[in-house]
N, C-alpha and C. Protein backbone atom coordinates (compact mmCIF):
# COMPACT_ATOMS: atom_id res chain seq x y z
N MET A 1 -11.62 37.33 -8.93
CA MET A 1 -12.34 36.82 -10.07
C MET A 1 -13.83 37.01 -9.80
N VAL A 2 -14.56 37.25 -10.85
CA VAL A 2 -16.01 37.30 -10.74
C VAL A 2 -16.61 36.38 -11.79
N ALA A 3 -17.55 35.55 -11.36
CA ALA A 3 -18.27 34.65 -12.26
C ALA A 3 -19.68 35.20 -12.41
N VAL A 4 -20.08 35.46 -13.64
CA VAL A 4 -21.39 36.03 -13.92
C VAL A 4 -22.23 34.98 -14.63
N THR A 5 -23.42 34.74 -14.11
CA THR A 5 -24.33 33.76 -14.70
C THR A 5 -25.04 34.36 -15.90
N THR A 6 -25.01 33.68 -17.02
CA THR A 6 -25.75 34.11 -18.21
C THR A 6 -26.91 33.16 -18.50
N ARG A 7 -26.89 31.98 -17.86
CA ARG A 7 -27.98 31.02 -18.01
C ARG A 7 -28.18 30.30 -16.69
N GLY A 8 -29.39 30.35 -16.15
CA GLY A 8 -29.67 29.72 -14.86
C GLY A 8 -29.87 30.76 -13.78
N HIS A 9 -29.81 30.31 -12.50
CA HIS A 9 -30.14 31.18 -11.38
C HIS A 9 -29.00 31.28 -10.36
N CYS A 10 -27.76 31.32 -10.80
CA CYS A 10 -26.63 31.34 -9.86
C CYS A 10 -26.16 32.75 -9.51
N GLY A 11 -26.58 33.76 -10.26
CA GLY A 11 -26.21 35.13 -9.94
C GLY A 11 -24.77 35.47 -10.27
N THR A 12 -24.25 36.47 -9.57
CA THR A 12 -22.87 36.91 -9.73
C THR A 12 -22.09 36.48 -8.50
N ILE A 13 -20.94 35.86 -8.70
CA ILE A 13 -20.18 35.28 -7.60
C ILE A 13 -18.76 35.85 -7.60
N ASP A 14 -18.38 36.48 -6.48
CA ASP A 14 -17.02 36.99 -6.32
C ASP A 14 -16.17 35.91 -5.66
N ILE A 15 -15.00 35.64 -6.26
CA ILE A 15 -14.12 34.59 -5.75
C ILE A 15 -12.70 35.11 -5.73
N GLY A 16 -12.02 34.95 -4.61
CA GLY A 16 -10.60 35.27 -4.55
C GLY A 16 -9.83 34.16 -5.25
N LEU A 17 -8.93 34.53 -6.15
CA LEU A 17 -8.21 33.54 -6.95
C LEU A 17 -6.71 33.79 -6.84
N GLY A 18 -5.96 32.73 -6.57
CA GLY A 18 -4.51 32.83 -6.51
C GLY A 18 -3.88 31.97 -7.59
N VAL A 19 -2.76 32.43 -8.13
CA VAL A 19 -2.02 31.67 -9.13
C VAL A 19 -0.57 31.59 -8.67
N ARG A 20 -0.06 30.39 -8.55
CA ARG A 20 1.33 30.19 -8.15
C ARG A 20 1.90 29.00 -8.92
N ARG A 21 2.97 29.27 -9.65
CA ARG A 21 3.63 28.23 -10.45
C ARG A 21 2.66 27.49 -11.36
N GLY A 22 1.74 28.23 -11.94
CA GLY A 22 0.79 27.65 -12.86
C GLY A 22 -0.40 26.96 -12.24
N ARG A 23 -0.47 26.92 -10.91
CA ARG A 23 -1.59 26.28 -10.21
C ARG A 23 -2.57 27.34 -9.71
N LEU A 24 -3.86 27.07 -9.87
CA LEU A 24 -4.90 27.96 -9.38
C LEU A 24 -5.43 27.46 -8.04
N SER A 25 -5.79 28.39 -7.19
CA SER A 25 -6.44 28.04 -5.92
C SER A 25 -7.32 29.21 -5.50
N SER A 26 -8.31 28.92 -4.70
CA SER A 26 -9.19 29.97 -4.20
C SER A 26 -8.59 30.59 -2.95
N THR A 27 -8.78 31.88 -2.82
CA THR A 27 -8.30 32.60 -1.64
C THR A 27 -9.46 33.21 -0.87
N GLY A 28 -10.69 32.88 -1.25
CA GLY A 28 -11.86 33.38 -0.55
C GLY A 28 -13.08 33.35 -1.44
N GLY A 29 -14.23 33.40 -0.82
CA GLY A 29 -15.48 33.43 -1.54
C GLY A 29 -16.43 32.35 -1.06
N PHE A 30 -17.72 32.68 -1.12
CA PHE A 30 -18.77 31.76 -0.71
C PHE A 30 -19.87 31.73 -1.75
N PHE A 31 -20.53 30.58 -1.86
CA PHE A 31 -21.73 30.47 -2.70
C PHE A 31 -22.74 29.64 -1.93
N ALA A 32 -23.93 30.19 -1.74
CA ALA A 32 -25.01 29.51 -1.00
C ALA A 32 -24.50 29.05 0.38
N PHE A 33 -23.75 29.92 1.04
CA PHE A 33 -23.21 29.70 2.39
C PHE A 33 -22.08 28.67 2.46
N TYR A 34 -21.64 28.14 1.34
CA TYR A 34 -20.52 27.19 1.31
C TYR A 34 -19.26 27.90 0.83
N PRO A 35 -18.12 27.63 1.45
CA PRO A 35 -16.86 28.19 0.94
C PRO A 35 -16.55 27.60 -0.44
N ILE A 36 -15.97 28.42 -1.30
CA ILE A 36 -15.63 27.98 -2.65
C ILE A 36 -14.20 27.49 -2.69
N SER A 37 -14.01 26.30 -3.23
CA SER A 37 -12.69 25.72 -3.42
C SER A 37 -12.43 25.64 -4.92
N ILE A 38 -11.30 26.21 -5.37
CA ILE A 38 -10.94 26.16 -6.78
C ILE A 38 -9.63 25.41 -6.94
N ARG A 39 -9.61 24.55 -7.94
CA ARG A 39 -8.38 23.87 -8.34
C ARG A 39 -8.27 23.98 -9.84
N GLY A 40 -7.06 24.14 -10.33
CA GLY A 40 -6.87 24.20 -11.76
C GLY A 40 -5.46 24.57 -12.11
N HIS A 41 -5.23 24.84 -13.38
CA HIS A 41 -3.89 25.20 -13.81
C HIS A 41 -3.94 26.16 -15.00
N VAL A 42 -2.82 26.86 -15.17
CA VAL A 42 -2.62 27.77 -16.29
C VAL A 42 -1.43 27.23 -17.08
N SER A 43 -1.59 27.03 -18.37
CA SER A 43 -0.48 26.54 -19.20
C SER A 43 0.50 27.68 -19.47
N GLY A 44 1.64 27.34 -20.00
CA GLY A 44 2.65 28.33 -20.34
C GLY A 44 2.15 29.36 -21.34
N SER A 45 1.19 28.97 -22.18
CA SER A 45 0.64 29.91 -23.16
C SER A 45 -0.56 30.69 -22.63
N GLY A 46 -0.94 30.43 -21.36
CA GLY A 46 -2.02 31.19 -20.73
C GLY A 46 -3.38 30.52 -20.72
N HIS A 47 -3.51 29.32 -21.29
CA HIS A 47 -4.80 28.65 -21.26
C HIS A 47 -5.12 28.16 -19.84
N VAL A 48 -6.37 28.32 -19.44
CA VAL A 48 -6.82 28.03 -18.08
C VAL A 48 -7.86 26.92 -18.09
N ARG A 49 -7.72 25.98 -17.14
CA ARG A 49 -8.75 24.98 -16.87
C ARG A 49 -8.92 24.95 -15.36
N MET A 50 -10.17 25.01 -14.90
CA MET A 50 -10.40 25.02 -13.46
C MET A 50 -11.70 24.32 -13.10
N THR A 51 -11.75 23.88 -11.84
CA THR A 51 -12.95 23.31 -11.24
C THR A 51 -13.20 24.03 -9.94
N ALA A 52 -14.45 24.44 -9.73
CA ALA A 52 -14.85 25.10 -8.49
C ALA A 52 -15.90 24.23 -7.80
N ILE A 53 -15.75 24.08 -6.47
CA ILE A 53 -16.70 23.30 -5.69
C ILE A 53 -17.16 24.15 -4.51
N ALA A 54 -18.48 24.18 -4.30
CA ALA A 54 -19.07 24.86 -3.15
C ALA A 54 -20.18 23.96 -2.62
N GLY A 55 -19.87 23.20 -1.58
CA GLY A 55 -20.84 22.23 -1.06
C GLY A 55 -21.21 21.22 -2.13
N PRO A 56 -22.52 21.05 -2.42
CA PRO A 56 -22.94 20.07 -3.42
C PRO A 56 -22.88 20.59 -4.86
N ARG A 57 -22.36 21.79 -5.06
CA ARG A 57 -22.32 22.41 -6.39
C ARG A 57 -20.92 22.32 -6.99
N THR A 58 -20.85 22.03 -8.27
CA THR A 58 -19.58 21.92 -8.98
C THR A 58 -19.67 22.69 -10.29
N ALA A 59 -18.59 23.40 -10.64
CA ALA A 59 -18.53 24.11 -11.92
C ALA A 59 -17.16 23.89 -12.55
N HIS A 60 -17.13 23.84 -13.87
CA HIS A 60 -15.89 23.69 -14.62
C HIS A 60 -15.74 24.89 -15.54
N GLY A 61 -14.54 25.45 -15.57
CA GLY A 61 -14.31 26.62 -16.40
C GLY A 61 -13.07 26.49 -17.25
N THR A 62 -13.08 27.19 -18.36
CA THR A 62 -11.92 27.29 -19.24
C THR A 62 -11.76 28.75 -19.65
N GLY A 63 -10.60 29.09 -20.12
CA GLY A 63 -10.37 30.46 -20.56
C GLY A 63 -8.90 30.71 -20.82
N ARG A 64 -8.53 31.97 -20.66
CA ARG A 64 -7.17 32.37 -20.96
C ARG A 64 -6.76 33.54 -20.07
N PHE A 65 -5.52 33.49 -19.60
CA PHE A 65 -4.92 34.61 -18.87
C PHE A 65 -3.93 35.32 -19.79
N GLY A 66 -3.95 36.64 -19.73
CA GLY A 66 -2.99 37.45 -20.45
C GLY A 66 -2.25 38.33 -19.46
N ARG A 67 -1.86 39.49 -19.86
CA ARG A 67 -1.13 40.42 -19.00
C ARG A 67 -2.03 40.97 -17.89
N GLY A 68 -1.96 40.37 -16.73
CA GLY A 68 -2.69 40.87 -15.57
C GLY A 68 -4.19 40.67 -15.58
N GLN A 69 -4.72 39.95 -16.56
CA GLN A 69 -6.16 39.72 -16.58
C GLN A 69 -6.48 38.41 -17.29
N GLY A 70 -7.70 37.95 -17.09
CA GLY A 70 -8.12 36.72 -17.73
C GLY A 70 -9.62 36.71 -17.91
N SER A 71 -10.10 35.80 -18.74
CA SER A 71 -11.54 35.66 -18.95
C SER A 71 -11.81 34.29 -19.55
N GLY A 72 -13.07 33.89 -19.46
CA GLY A 72 -13.45 32.60 -20.01
C GLY A 72 -14.91 32.29 -19.74
N THR A 73 -15.24 31.02 -19.85
CA THR A 73 -16.61 30.56 -19.64
C THR A 73 -16.63 29.46 -18.58
N TRP A 74 -17.81 29.20 -18.03
CA TRP A 74 -17.97 28.14 -17.03
C TRP A 74 -19.35 27.51 -17.16
N LYS A 75 -19.45 26.26 -16.69
CA LYS A 75 -20.72 25.54 -16.61
C LYS A 75 -20.75 24.80 -15.28
N GLY A 76 -21.89 24.83 -14.61
CA GLY A 76 -21.98 24.18 -13.32
C GLY A 76 -23.32 23.51 -13.09
N HIS A 77 -23.36 22.68 -12.05
CA HIS A 77 -24.61 22.00 -11.69
C HIS A 77 -24.65 21.81 -10.18
N GLY A 78 -25.87 21.70 -9.69
CA GLY A 78 -26.08 21.48 -8.26
C GLY A 78 -27.53 21.16 -8.01
N PRO A 79 -27.95 21.19 -6.74
CA PRO A 79 -29.32 20.81 -6.38
C PRO A 79 -30.40 21.65 -7.07
N SER A 80 -30.09 22.91 -7.39
CA SER A 80 -31.09 23.77 -7.99
C SER A 80 -31.05 23.76 -9.52
N GLY A 81 -30.21 22.92 -10.10
CA GLY A 81 -30.18 22.82 -11.56
C GLY A 81 -28.84 23.19 -12.15
N VAL A 82 -28.89 23.60 -13.41
CA VAL A 82 -27.69 23.89 -14.18
C VAL A 82 -27.55 25.39 -14.38
N CYS A 83 -26.31 25.87 -14.28
CA CYS A 83 -26.00 27.27 -14.55
C CYS A 83 -24.79 27.33 -15.46
N SER A 84 -24.66 28.42 -16.20
CA SER A 84 -23.45 28.65 -16.99
C SER A 84 -23.26 30.15 -17.14
N GLY A 85 -22.06 30.52 -17.56
CA GLY A 85 -21.80 31.94 -17.72
C GLY A 85 -20.37 32.23 -18.11
N VAL A 86 -19.94 33.42 -17.76
CA VAL A 86 -18.60 33.89 -18.09
C VAL A 86 -17.88 34.27 -16.81
N TRP A 87 -16.56 34.28 -16.85
CA TRP A 87 -15.77 34.72 -15.71
C TRP A 87 -14.71 35.70 -16.21
N ARG A 88 -14.29 36.58 -15.31
CA ARG A 88 -13.19 37.49 -15.62
C ARG A 88 -12.39 37.71 -14.34
N ALA A 89 -11.11 37.91 -14.52
CA ALA A 89 -10.21 38.11 -13.38
C ALA A 89 -9.20 39.18 -13.74
N SER A 90 -8.75 39.90 -12.73
CA SER A 90 -7.67 40.87 -12.95
C SER A 90 -6.76 40.87 -11.75
N ARG A 91 -5.50 41.15 -12.00
CA ARG A 91 -4.50 41.20 -10.94
C ARG A 91 -4.72 42.45 -10.10
N THR A 92 -4.65 42.29 -8.79
CA THR A 92 -4.83 43.44 -7.91
C THR A 92 -3.52 43.80 -7.25
C-alpha cells in the first residue's frame, strides 16, 4: 500500500499490508523512524476501515477493495500537525 499526502507535510509512505479473513494488518513500513502498525477490517462488500499508528502519529482511513486492488482516503495527526491524502493498494 502507498499513502500519498495531498494536504500537510507527511510525504509518500510505503506500507506493507496484509488481509486475512477480513482483518487488516501491517507487514512492514516506517514513518519518521517509527514502525507502522495497521489495524482494520474489510467488509464482505469490500468497504475498508483502518487505523495506522507510528509512534505519536495516528491516521484513520476508509476506502474500498475490489479485484486485487483498493483505494481510499486518510486523515492523520501528530506532533507536526495534520495531514490527509489518498491511499492505494494492489495485490502482489
